[in-house]
Amino acid sequence: MTHELRPGERAIDTWTLFYLPPGGGKYNGKLTVTNQRLLYDAKLDASLLGVLSNHLVEGRLAIEKDAIEGIEVERKLFSKKAMLTLVDGSRHIFDYGAMNIDKCVAAMEVR
């Protein structure tokens, strides 16, 4: 199940990465960044408990770009993260592992 694009909305690119929601957990899935939103389709619970039980999920998340207050990038050897703060104060983290996250962040900044 994937997200439907709205009239005038166009996909910029898609990445397979981890999502760490504000309430905890870790999910593996695909992030599609459009000119209006960030659309995440979770496929696997990548937390330790989820991996041990091979737990599949079918979760979807949509973040309006207008709701993004700030984006911070954290670069460590095996973890490149985009940390989003939304206007409601919540923090959403997208982790691309050892891969370069700069193109993903640049797409997030396009309005």
Protein backbone atom coordinates (compact mmCIF):
# COMPACT_ATOMS: atom_id res chain seq x y z
CA MET A 1 0.00 0.00 0.00
CA THR A 2 1.49 3.33 -1.02
CA HIS A 3 0.52 6.94 -0.62
CA GLU A 4 -1.51 8.69 -3.28
CA LEU A 5 -0.05 11.93 -4.61
CA ARG A 6 -2.27 14.98 -4.53
CA PRO A 7 -2.96 17.23 -7.54
CA GLY A 8 0.16 19.35 -8.13
CA GLU A 9 2.30 17.12 -5.92
CA ARG A 10 5.35 15.50 -7.50
CA ALA A 11 7.79 12.95 -6.14
CA ILE A 12 11.39 14.15 -5.88
CA ASP A 13 13.04 10.84 -4.90
CA THR A 14 12.71 7.73 -2.73
CA TRP A 15 15.08 6.20 -0.18
CA THR A 16 14.99 2.97 1.85
CA LEU A 17 15.95 3.90 5.40
CA PHE A 18 15.07 3.59 9.08
CA TYR A 19 12.47 5.77 10.78
CA LEU A 20 12.60 6.44 14.53
CA PRO A 21 9.27 7.97 15.63
CA PRO A 22 8.86 10.35 18.59
CA GLY A 23 7.27 7.62 20.74
CA GLY A 24 10.15 5.17 20.29
CA GLY A 25 10.76 2.20 18.05
CA LYS A 26 12.62 1.72 14.81
CA TYR A 27 11.12 0.87 11.42
CA ASN A 28 12.60 -0.04 8.07
CA GLY A 29 10.77 1.21 4.99
CA LYS A 30 10.68 3.61 2.06
CA LEU A 31 10.65 7.39 2.33
CA THR A 32 9.32 9.28 -0.67
CA VAL A 33 9.95 13.02 -0.56
CA THR A 34 7.64 15.17 -2.66
CA ASN A 35 7.46 18.90 -3.20
CA GLN A 36 4.73 19.01 -0.47
CA ARG A 37 5.22 16.09 1.93
CA LEU A 38 7.40 13.31 3.32
CA LEU A 39 5.66 9.96 2.80
CA TYR A 40 6.97 6.95 4.72
CA ASP A 41 5.82 3.36 4.21
CA ALA A 42 7.08 1.11 7.03
CA LYS A 43 7.64 -2.53 6.10
CA LEU A 44 9.53 -4.04 9.05
CA ASP A 45 9.79 -3.40 12.78
CA ALA A 46 13.58 -3.06 13.02
CA SER A 47 13.72 -2.82 16.82
CA LEU A 48 15.45 -5.70 18.60
CA LEU A 49 12.11 -7.23 19.58
CA GLY A 50 10.77 -6.82 16.05
CA VAL A 51 13.85 -8.40 14.48
CA LEU A 52 13.79 -11.34 16.89
CA SER A 53 10.13 -12.01 16.11
CA ASN A 54 10.49 -11.13 12.39
CA HIS A 55 7.61 -8.68 12.85
CA LEU A 56 6.23 -7.13 9.66
CA VAL A 57 4.27 -3.90 9.80
CA GLU A 58 2.18 -1.98 7.31
CA GLY A 59 2.43 1.54 8.61
CA ARG A 60 2.18 4.81 6.74
CA LEU A 61 3.22 8.29 7.78
CA ALA A 62 2.76 11.61 6.00
CA ILE A 63 4.50 14.78 7.18
CA GLU A 64 3.55 18.07 5.56
CA LYS A 65 6.63 20.11 4.67
CA ASP A 66 4.88 23.20 6.06
CA ALA A 67 4.88 21.48 9.48
CA ILE A 68 8.69 21.12 9.52
CA GLU A 69 10.21 23.73 11.79
CA GLY A 70 13.81 22.58 11.44
CA ILE A 71 16.10 19.86 10.11
CA GLU A 72 19.35 18.85 11.79
CA VAL A 73 21.84 16.43 10.24
CA GLU A 74 23.98 14.10 12.34
CA ARG A 75 26.90 12.33 10.68
CA LYS A 76 28.66 9.48 12.45
CA LEU A 77 30.69 6.68 10.89
CA PHE A 78 27.82 4.18 10.48
CA SER A 79 24.86 6.49 11.02
CA LYS A 80 23.76 9.46 8.93
CA LYS A 81 20.55 10.95 10.31
CA ALA A 82 18.09 13.68 9.39
CA MET A 83 16.35 14.85 12.56
CA LEU A 84 13.17 16.81 11.92
CA THR A 85 11.48 19.03 14.47
CA LEU A 86 7.86 19.78 13.66
CA VAL A 87 5.86 22.85 14.69
CA ASP A 88 4.14 20.72 17.38
CA GLY A 89 7.57 20.06 18.97
CA SER A 90 7.76 16.40 17.97
CA ARG A 91 11.06 14.98 16.64
CA HIS A 92 11.15 12.50 13.77
CA ILE A 93 14.44 10.82 12.82
CA PHE A 94 15.32 9.24 9.48
CA ASP A 95 18.52 7.15 9.59
CA TYR A 96 20.25 6.20 6.33
CA GLY A 97 22.95 4.09 8.01
CA ALA A 98 26.42 4.55 6.55
CA MET A 99 25.04 6.09 3.34
CA ASN A 100 25.25 9.82 2.56
CA ILE A 101 21.95 11.48 3.58
CA ASP A 102 22.66 14.87 1.97
CA LYS A 103 20.46 14.33 -1.15
CA CYS A 104 17.60 13.18 1.06
CA VAL A 105 17.91 16.29 3.26
CA ALA A 106 18.15 18.54 0.20
CA ALA A 107 14.89 17.02 -1.10
CA MET A 108 13.26 17.61 2.31
CA GLU A 109 14.16 21.30 2.03
CA VAL A 110 12.59 21.75 -1.44
CA ARG A 111 9.18 23.47 -1.24
